[in-house]
Amino acid sequence: MTANNEIAERLRATLAKELKQNVKVITPEHTLRGDLGLNPVEILVTRFSIQENVILALVGITSFAVAIRSADWAGWTYASIGPLMAIHGAIFGKRIRLLAEKLALPVP
């Protein structure tokens, strides 16, 4: 058994244990979306949260890149977090509200 197969088997076993399912049910094509039972609004909120974390990571990476060139300016990149999050929140907040209204679901 190769290292990748061994890792995949361990991952399948862990998922089966946590999801309280048979290991045979969990395949590489398996998705957790159905198991979590998320409605469309919750899926969009989850995607929104992931994107927020990506934005924060990109700001940190940008700060690191700026620090290599000029350490004096690296901290200033963090000032972009507020405007970036405001723009992202305005766009996706509206999408979430519209979808929730369309499906008559509560906004989380």
Protein backbone atom coordinates (compact mmCIF):
# COMPACT_ATOMS: atom_id res chain seq x y z
CA MET A 1 0.00 0.00 0.00
CA THR A 2 1.44 3.39 -0.98
CA ALA A 3 1.61 6.33 1.38
CA ASN A 4 -1.24 8.12 -0.44
CA ASN A 5 -3.51 5.09 -0.18
CA GLU A 6 -2.70 4.72 3.50
CA ILE A 7 -3.54 8.38 4.13
CA ALA A 8 -6.78 8.03 2.15
CA GLU A 9 -7.79 4.97 4.17
CA ARG A 10 -7.07 6.73 7.47
CA LEU A 11 -9.08 9.74 6.31
CA ARG A 12 -12.00 7.53 5.27
CA ALA A 13 -11.91 5.74 8.63
CA THR A 14 -11.89 9.03 10.52
CA LEU A 15 -14.75 10.45 8.45
CA ALA A 16 -16.77 7.27 8.91
CA LYS A 17 -16.25 7.41 12.66
CA GLU A 18 -17.15 11.10 12.94
CA LEU A 19 -20.15 10.83 10.61
CA LYS A 20 -21.23 7.55 12.20
CA GLN A 21 -21.36 5.80 8.84
CA ASN A 22 -19.96 2.64 7.35
CA VAL A 23 -16.48 3.06 5.84
CA LYS A 24 -17.70 1.44 2.62
CA VAL A 25 -20.19 4.28 2.11
CA ILE A 26 -17.46 6.92 2.00
CA THR A 27 -15.86 7.03 -1.44
CA PRO A 28 -13.55 9.56 -3.11
CA GLU A 29 -16.63 10.94 -4.88
CA HIS A 30 -18.44 11.39 -1.55
CA THR A 31 -19.34 14.95 -0.51
CA LEU A 32 -20.03 16.24 2.97
CA ARG A 33 -22.65 18.73 1.80
CA GLY A 34 -25.45 16.18 1.99
CA ASP A 35 -24.29 14.80 5.32
CA LEU A 36 -24.23 18.25 6.87
CA GLY A 37 -27.77 18.92 5.73
CA LEU A 38 -27.09 22.53 4.77
CA ASN A 39 -29.81 24.53 3.10
CA PRO A 40 -28.86 26.88 0.22
CA VAL A 41 -28.52 29.90 2.54
CA GLU A 42 -26.19 28.02 4.88
CA ILE A 43 -24.10 26.88 1.92
CA LEU A 44 -23.75 30.50 0.80
CA VAL A 45 -22.87 31.64 4.34
CA THR A 46 -20.21 28.91 4.53
CA ARG A 47 -18.77 30.00 1.19
CA PHE A 48 -18.84 33.61 2.44
CA SER A 49 -16.84 32.65 5.54
CA ILE A 50 -14.27 30.76 3.50
CA GLN A 51 -13.84 33.74 1.19
CA GLU A 52 -13.38 36.07 4.17
CA ASN A 53 -10.57 33.86 5.45
CA VAL A 54 -8.96 33.81 2.00
CA ILE A 55 -9.05 37.62 1.92
CA LEU A 56 -7.36 37.79 5.32
CA ALA A 57 -4.71 35.29 4.22
CA LEU A 58 -4.05 37.27 1.03
CA VAL A 59 -3.61 40.47 3.03
CA GLY A 60 -1.05 38.68 5.20
CA ILE A 61 0.78 37.31 2.16
CA THR A 62 0.76 40.76 0.58
CA SER A 63 2.19 42.23 3.76
CA PHE A 64 4.96 39.64 3.71
CA ALA A 65 5.76 40.45 0.07
CA VAL A 66 5.82 44.18 0.82
CA ALA A 67 8.06 43.55 3.86
CA ILE A 68 10.65 41.91 1.62
CA ARG A 69 10.86 45.09 -0.46
CA SER A 70 10.28 47.72 2.21
CA ALA A 71 9.64 46.76 5.82
CA ASP A 72 8.42 50.27 6.65
CA TRP A 73 5.31 49.84 4.48
CA ALA A 74 4.39 46.23 5.35
CA GLY A 75 2.08 47.13 8.23
CA TRP A 76 0.10 49.52 6.09
CA THR A 77 -1.23 46.65 3.98
CA TYR A 78 -3.38 45.66 6.96
CA ALA A 79 -5.29 48.91 6.56
CA SER A 80 -6.88 47.32 3.47
CA ILE A 81 -8.70 44.73 5.62
CA GLY A 82 -11.52 47.12 6.55
CA PRO A 83 -12.40 48.25 3.02
CA LEU A 84 -11.97 44.74 1.56
CA MET A 85 -14.23 43.18 4.18
CA ALA A 86 -16.79 45.97 3.80
CA ILE A 87 -16.96 45.47 0.03
CA HIS A 88 -17.11 41.69 0.37
CA GLY A 89 -19.75 41.90 3.10
CA ALA A 90 -21.90 44.30 1.10
CA ILE A 91 -21.83 42.11 -2.00
CA PHE A 92 -22.35 38.76 -0.30
CA GLY A 93 -24.63 40.07 2.43
CA LYS A 94 -27.02 41.22 -0.28
CA ARG A 95 -26.80 37.84 -2.03
CA ILE A 96 -27.53 36.01 1.22
CA ARG A 97 -30.50 38.25 2.05
CA LEU A 98 -31.98 37.90 -1.45
CA LEU A 99 -31.62 34.12 -1.41
CA ALA A 100 -33.12 33.88 2.08
CA GLU A 101 -36.08 36.01 1.04
CA LYS A 102 -36.58 33.99 -2.13
CA LEU A 103 -36.59 30.70 -0.21
CA ALA A 104 -38.38 32.14 2.85
CA LEU A 105 -35.55 31.03 5.13
CA PRO A 106 -34.11 32.94 8.12
CA VAL A 107 -30.87 34.83 7.55
CA PRO A 108 -28.17 33.36 9.82
